[in-house]
C-alpha atoms as a PDB file:
ATOM      1  CA  MET A   1      57.052  61.760 -11.420  1.00  0.00           C
ATOM      2  CA  VAL A   2      59.105  62.330  -8.308  1.00  0.00           C
ATOM      3  CA  SER A   3      60.038  58.718  -7.870  1.00  0.00           C
ATOM      4  CA  GLU A   4      61.395  58.770 -11.257  1.00  0.00           C
ATOM      5  CA  ARG A   5      63.487  61.805 -10.756  1.00  0.00           C
ATOM      6  CA  LEU A   6      64.828  60.065  -7.563  1.00  0.00           C
ATOM      7  CA  ARG A   7      65.907  57.137  -9.465  1.00  0.00           C
ATOM      8  CA  ASP A   8      67.489  59.132 -12.275  1.00  0.00           C
ATOM      9  CA  PRO A   9      71.230  57.915 -12.415  1.00  0.00           C
ATOM     10  CA  GLU A  10      72.310  60.669 -14.765  1.00  0.00           C
ATOM     11  CA  PRO A  11      74.359  63.149 -12.888  1.00  0.00           C
ATOM     12  CA  ARG A  12      73.309  66.820 -13.803  1.00  0.00           C
ATOM     13  CA  SER A  13      74.414  70.141 -12.641  1.00  0.00           C
ATOM     14  CA  PRO A  14      72.278  72.469 -11.682  1.00  0.00           C
ATOM     15  CA  PRO A  15      69.684  71.781 -10.847  1.00  0.00           C
ATOM     16  CA  ARG A  16      70.575  68.798  -8.722  1.00  0.00           C
ATOM     17  CA  ARG A  17      68.635  65.644  -8.291  1.00  0.00           C
ATOM     18  CA  PRO A  18      66.559  65.232  -5.198  1.00  0.00           C
ATOM     19  CA  ALA A  19      68.689  62.203  -3.993  1.00  0.00           C
ATOM     20  CA  GLU A  20      71.657  64.491  -4.286  1.00  0.00           C
ATOM     21  CA  LEU A  21      69.927  67.304  -2.316  1.00  0.00           C
ATOM     22  CA  LEU A  22      69.057  64.915   0.478  1.00  0.00           C
ATOM     23  CA  LEU A  23      72.780  64.269   0.838  1.00  0.00           C
ATOM     24  CA  SER A  24      72.872  67.816   2.192  1.00  0.00           C
ATOM     25  CA  LEU A  25      71.452  66.683   5.280  1.00  0.00           C
ATOM     26  CA  SER A  26      74.845  65.111   6.407  1.00  0.00           C
ATOM     27  CA  LEU A  27      76.339  68.335   5.512  1.00  0.00           C
ATOM     28  CA  LEU A  28      74.454  70.173   8.150  1.00  0.00           C
ATOM     29  CA  SER A  29      76.216  68.449  10.747  1.00  0.00           C
ATOM     30  CA  PRO A  30      80.017  68.907   9.691  1.00  0.00           C
ATOM     31  CA  HIS A  31      81.450  67.247  12.756  1.00  0.00           C
ATOM     32  CA  ARG A  32      79.950  64.013  11.548  1.00  0.00           C
ATOM     33  CA  GLN A  33      81.789  64.563   8.265  1.00  0.00           C
ATOM     34  CA  THR A  34      85.352  64.996   9.746  1.00  0.00           C
ATOM     35  CA  PRO A  35      86.185  61.322   9.479  1.00  0.00           C
ATOM     36  CA  LYS A  36      85.332  61.180   5.795  1.00  0.00           C
ATOM     37  CA  PHE A  37      86.962  64.483   5.227  1.00  0.00           C
ATOM     38  CA  LYS A  38      90.288  63.094   6.901  1.00  0.00           C
ATOM     39  CA  GLU A  39      90.303  59.897   4.802  1.00  0.00           C
ATOM     40  CA  CYS A  40      89.868  61.898   1.580  1.00  0.00           C
ATOM     41  CA  PHE A  41      92.603  64.333   2.615  1.00  0.00           C
ATOM     42  CA  SER A  42      94.929  61.439   3.479  1.00  0.00           C
ATOM     43  CA  LEU A  43      94.427  60.044   0.010  1.00  0.00           C
ATOM     44  CA  TYR A  44      95.889  63.177  -1.536  1.00  0.00           C
ATOM     45  CA  ASP A  45      98.624  63.519   1.328  1.00  0.00           C
ATOM     46  CA  LYS A  46     101.172  61.759  -0.957  1.00  0.00           C
ATOM     47  CA  LYS A  47     104.220  62.417   1.170  1.00  0.00           C
ATOM     48  CA  GLN A  48     102.384  61.460   4.364  1.00  0.00           C
ATOM     49  CA  LYS A  49     103.138  64.821   5.969  1.00  0.00           C
ATOM     50  CA  GLY A  50      99.773  65.720   6.973  1.00  0.00           C
ATOM     51  CA  LYS A  51      99.580  68.301   3.975  1.00  0.00           C
ATOM     52  CA  ILE A  52      97.951  68.385   0.649  1.00  0.00           C
ATOM     53  CA  ARG A  53      99.122  70.573  -2.464  1.00  0.00           C
ATOM     54  CA  ALA A  54      97.048  73.591  -2.831  1.00  0.00           C
ATOM     55  CA  GLY A  55      96.681  72.564  -6.493  1.00  0.00           C
ATOM     56  CA  ASP A  56      94.639  69.523  -5.330  1.00  0.00           C
ATOM     57  CA  LEU A  57      92.364  71.468  -3.247  1.00  0.00           C
ATOM     58  CA  LEU A  58      89.560  71.773  -5.775  1.00  0.00           C
ATOM     59  CA  VAL A  59      89.539  68.065  -6.729  1.00  0.00           C
ATOM     60  CA  VAL A  60      89.568  67.079  -2.972  1.00  0.00           C
ATOM     61  CA  MET A  61      86.630  69.409  -2.044  1.00  0.00           C
ATOM     62  CA  ARG A  62      84.581  68.125  -5.117  1.00  0.00           C
ATOM     63  CA  CYS A  63      85.424  64.516  -4.087  1.00  0.00           C
ATOM     64  CA  LEU A  64      83.746  65.387  -0.837  1.00  0.00           C
ATOM     65  CA  GLY A  65      80.562  66.723  -2.297  1.00  0.00           C
ATOM     66  CA  ALA A  66      81.303  70.498  -2.322  1.00  0.00           C
ATOM     67  CA  SER A  67      80.887  72.503  -5.489  1.00  0.00           C
ATOM     68  CA  PRO A  68      83.483  75.219  -5.471  1.00  0.00           C
ATOM     69  CA  THR A  69      84.573  76.961  -8.660  1.00  0.00           C
ATOM     70  CA  PRO A  70      88.257  77.410  -9.303  1.00  0.00           C
ATOM     71  CA  GLY A  71      87.801  81.220  -8.417  1.00  0.00           C
ATOM     72  CA  GLU A  72      86.079  80.197  -4.942  1.00  0.00           C
ATOM     73  CA  VAL A  73      89.301  77.923  -4.215  1.00  0.00           C
ATOM     74  CA  GLN A  74      91.492  80.841  -5.028  1.00  0.00           C
ATOM     75  CA  ARG A  75      89.701  82.984  -2.701  1.00  0.00           C
ATOM     76  CA  HIS A  76      89.751  80.323  -0.101  1.00  0.00           C
ATOM     77  CA  LEU A  77      93.630  80.031  -0.555  1.00  0.00           C
ATOM     78  CA  HIS A  78      94.068  83.814  -0.524  1.00  0.00           C
ATOM     79  CA  LEU A  79      92.090  84.214   2.595  1.00  0.00           C
ATOM     80  CA  HIS A  80      94.420  81.801   4.474  1.00  0.00           C
ATOM     81  CA  ARG A  81      97.491  83.220   2.545  1.00  0.00           C
ATOM     82  CA  ILE A  82      98.418  80.182   0.751  1.00  0.00           C
ATOM     83  CA  ASP A  83     100.184  80.310  -2.549  1.00  0.00           C
ATOM     84  CA  ARG A  84      98.670  77.995  -5.387  1.00  0.00           C
ATOM     85  CA  ASN A  85     102.048  76.157  -5.280  1.00  0.00           C
ATOM     86  CA  ALA A  86     102.058  75.639  -1.435  1.00  0.00           C
ATOM     87  CA  GLU A  87     100.633  72.979   0.911  1.00  0.00           C
ATOM     88  CA  LEU A  88      97.980  73.170   3.415  1.00  0.00           C
ATOM     89  CA  ASP A  89      97.289  71.001   6.487  1.00  0.00           C
ATOM     90  CA  PHE A  90      94.103  69.250   7.663  1.00  0.00           C
ATOM     91  CA  SER A  91      93.197  72.003  10.179  1.00  0.00           C
ATOM     92  CA  THR A  92      93.171  74.554   7.416  1.00  0.00           C
ATOM     93  CA  PHE A  93      91.504  72.223   4.952  1.00  0.00           C
ATOM     94  CA  LEU A  94      88.594  71.667   7.388  1.00  0.00           C
ATOM     95  CA  ASN A  95      88.208  75.388   7.938  1.00  0.00           C
ATOM     96  CA  ILE A  96      88.128  75.821   4.069  1.00  0.00           C
ATOM     97  CA  MET A  97      85.564  72.880   3.647  1.00  0.00           C
ATOM     98  CA  TYR A  98      83.292  74.151   6.258  1.00  0.00           C
ATOM     99  CA  ARG A  99      83.160  77.736   4.923  1.00  0.00           C
ATOM    100  CA  GLN A 100      82.445  76.349   1.437  1.00  0.00           C
ATOM    101  CA  LEU A 101      79.647  74.189   2.653  1.00  0.00           C
ATOM    102  CA  LYS A 102      78.128  76.812   4.520  1.00  0.00           C
ATOM    103  CA  GLN A 103      78.376  79.114   1.619  1.00  0.00           C
ATOM    104  CA  GLU A 104      76.559  76.430  -0.540  1.00  0.00           C
ATOM    105  CA  GLU A 105      73.403  76.958   1.531  1.00  0.00           C
ATOM    106  CA  PRO A 106      72.460  73.396   2.205  1.00  0.00           C
ATOM    107  CA  GLU A 107      69.283  74.380   4.072  1.00  0.00           C
ATOM    108  CA  ARG A 108      67.638  75.708   0.991  1.00  0.00           C
ATOM    109  CA  GLU A 109      68.779  72.655  -1.077  1.00  0.00           C
ATOM    110  CA  ILE A 110      67.204  70.339   1.743  1.00  0.00           C
ATOM    111  CA  LEU A 111      63.920  72.405   1.592  1.00  0.00           C
ATOM    112  CA  THR A 112      63.709  72.085  -2.189  1.00  0.00           C
ATOM    113  CA  ALA A 113      64.428  68.122  -1.955  1.00  0.00           C
ATOM    114  CA  LEU A 114      61.895  67.727   0.892  1.00  0.00           C
ATOM    115  CA  SER A 115      59.411  69.643  -1.031  1.00  0.00           C
ATOM    116  CA  MET A 116      59.569  67.341  -3.868  1.00  0.00           C
ATOM    117  CA  ILE A 117      58.656  64.427  -1.671  1.00  0.00           C
ATOM    118  CA  ASP A 118      55.734  66.433  -0.413  1.00  0.00           C
ATOM    119  CA  ARG A 119      53.461  65.671  -3.269  1.00  0.00           C
ATOM    120  CA  GLN A 120      50.365  67.427  -1.873  1.00  0.00           C
ATOM    121  CA  ARG A 121      52.542  70.555  -0.820  1.00  0.00           C
ATOM    122  CA  ARG A 122      51.092  70.579   2.698  1.00  0.00           C
ATOM    123  CA  GLY A 123      54.419  71.232   4.444  1.00  0.00           C
ATOM    124  CA  PHE A 124      54.694  67.678   5.871  1.00  0.00           C
ATOM    125  CA  ILE A 125      56.357  64.559   5.014  1.00  0.00           C
ATOM    126  CA  SER A 126      56.133  61.061   6.687  1.00  0.00           C
ATOM    127  CA  ALA A 127      58.895  60.184   8.929  1.00  0.00           C
ATOM    128  CA  ALA A 128      58.934  56.738   7.265  1.00  0.00           C
ATOM    129  CA  GLU A 129      59.402  58.100   3.802  1.00  0.00           C
ATOM    130  CA  LEU A 130      62.286  60.256   4.938  1.00  0.00           C
ATOM    131  CA  ARG A 131      63.892  57.433   6.774  1.00  0.00           C
ATOM    132  CA  ALA A 132      63.671  55.334   3.617  1.00  0.00           C
ATOM    133  CA  LYS A 133      65.118  57.987   1.439  1.00  0.00           C
ATOM    134  CA  LEU A 134      68.088  58.752   3.785  1.00  0.00           C
ATOM    135  CA  THR A 135      68.777  55.216   4.250  1.00  0.00           C
ATOM    136  CA  ARG A 136      68.427  54.024   0.556  1.00  0.00           C
ATOM    137  CA  LEU A 137      69.641  56.951  -1.712  1.00  0.00           C
ATOM    138  CA  GLY A 138      72.949  58.416  -2.523  1.00  0.00           C
ATOM    139  CA  GLU A 139      75.444  58.405   0.359  1.00  0.00           C
ATOM    140  CA  LYS A 140      73.142  56.277   2.748  1.00  0.00           C
ATOM    141  CA  LEU A 141      72.967  57.412   6.305  1.00  0.00           C
ATOM    142  CA  SER A 142      72.982  54.714   9.030  1.00  0.00           C
ATOM    143  CA  GLU A 143      69.790  53.816  10.925  1.00  0.00           C
ATOM    144  CA  GLN A 144      71.317  55.406  13.965  1.00  0.00           C
ATOM    145  CA  GLU A 145      72.245  58.741  12.100  1.00  0.00           C
ATOM    146  CA  VAL A 146      68.608  58.621  10.980  1.00  0.00           C
ATOM    147  CA  ASP A 147      67.373  58.055  14.435  1.00  0.00           C
ATOM    148  CA  ASP A 148      69.427  60.957  15.760  1.00  0.00           C
ATOM    149  CA  LEU A 149      68.027  63.277  13.073  1.00  0.00           C
ATOM    150  CA  LEU A 150      64.491  62.185  13.769  1.00  0.00           C
ATOM    151  CA  LYS A 151      64.675  62.853  17.523  1.00  0.00           C
ATOM    152  CA  GLU A 152      65.202  66.419  16.461  1.00  0.00           C
ATOM    153  CA  ALA A 153      62.300  66.402  13.940  1.00  0.00           C
ATOM    154  CA  LYS A 154      59.333  66.597  16.388  1.00  0.00           C
ATOM    155  CA  VAL A 155      57.498  63.724  14.648  1.00  0.00           C
ATOM    156  CA  GLY A 156      53.573  64.454  14.938  1.00  0.00           C
ATOM    157  CA  PRO A 157      51.290  61.807  16.217  1.00  0.00           C
ATOM    158  CA  ASN A 158      50.281  60.774  12.778  1.00  0.00           C
ATOM    159  CA  GLY A 159      54.004  60.176  11.967  1.00  0.00           C
ATOM    160  CA  THR A 160      54.594  63.377   9.942  1.00  0.00           C
ATOM    161  CA  ILE A 161      57.230  65.971   9.935  1.00  0.00           C
ATOM    162  CA  LYS A 162      56.870  69.618   9.296  1.00  0.00           C
ATOM    163  CA  TYR A 163      59.895  69.882   7.174  1.00  0.00           C
ATOM    164  CA  GLU A 164      60.651  73.617   7.237  1.00  0.00           C
ATOM    165  CA  GLU A 165      60.840  73.565  10.967  1.00  0.00           C
ATOM    166  CA  PHE A 166      62.893  70.338  10.894  1.00  0.00           C
ATOM    167  CA  VAL A 167      65.442  71.826   8.415  1.00  0.00           C
ATOM    168  CA  ARG A 168      65.600  75.013  10.717  1.00  0.00           C
ATOM    169  CA  THR A 169      66.235  72.677  13.622  1.00  0.00           C
ATOM    170  CA  ILE A 170      69.090  70.605  12.217  1.00  0.00           C
ATOM    171  CA  SER A 171      70.639  73.776  10.610  1.00  0.00           C
ATOM    172  CA  LEU A 172      71.381  75.421  14.036  1.00  0.00           C
ATOM    173  CA  PRO A 173      75.205  75.517  14.755  1.00  0.00           C
ATOM    174  CA  VAL A 174      76.507  72.766  16.946  1.00  0.00           C
ATOM    175  CA  ALA A 175      77.596  74.052  20.448  1.00  0.00           C
ATOM    176  CA  ASP A 176      81.451  73.705  20.715  1.00  0.00           C
ATOM    177  CA  TYR A 177      82.114  73.368  24.230  1.00  0.00           C
END
């Protein structure tokens, strides 16, 4: 039963629980994540110089919900010409995080999670049910954050959302003016 799976407290890897998949919604708008990224980065900035050790990158990324392998971390470091024993600044860290999160395809994961909520497999979910999941499960979104998402959702007159269209809409890159 879906509701039992949503409440399952045991962490599993892969497949991920629907509650964890719904968290990916927040990853589609990385600009909203920057304060959380900064906070976690600062915890590992032991010398308070605005840098973390490259050796801590894997742990910091995983603390923030990414799932890089050690090999992926090495590739990110190599791409930025950073030695494993060197340090990286916050700007470089953000670039690496956004690349990793983009690579993990949150759109597909979100579609999987939303299809699990859609018990009748109609391609629709109720806006009220989506709000309940996003404000009560996992890393809870605020009412304002959910309101912002639902503004883009094209909620139908019967209170439902075509979730494939919704995911496409919220997955569009944010214009950087």
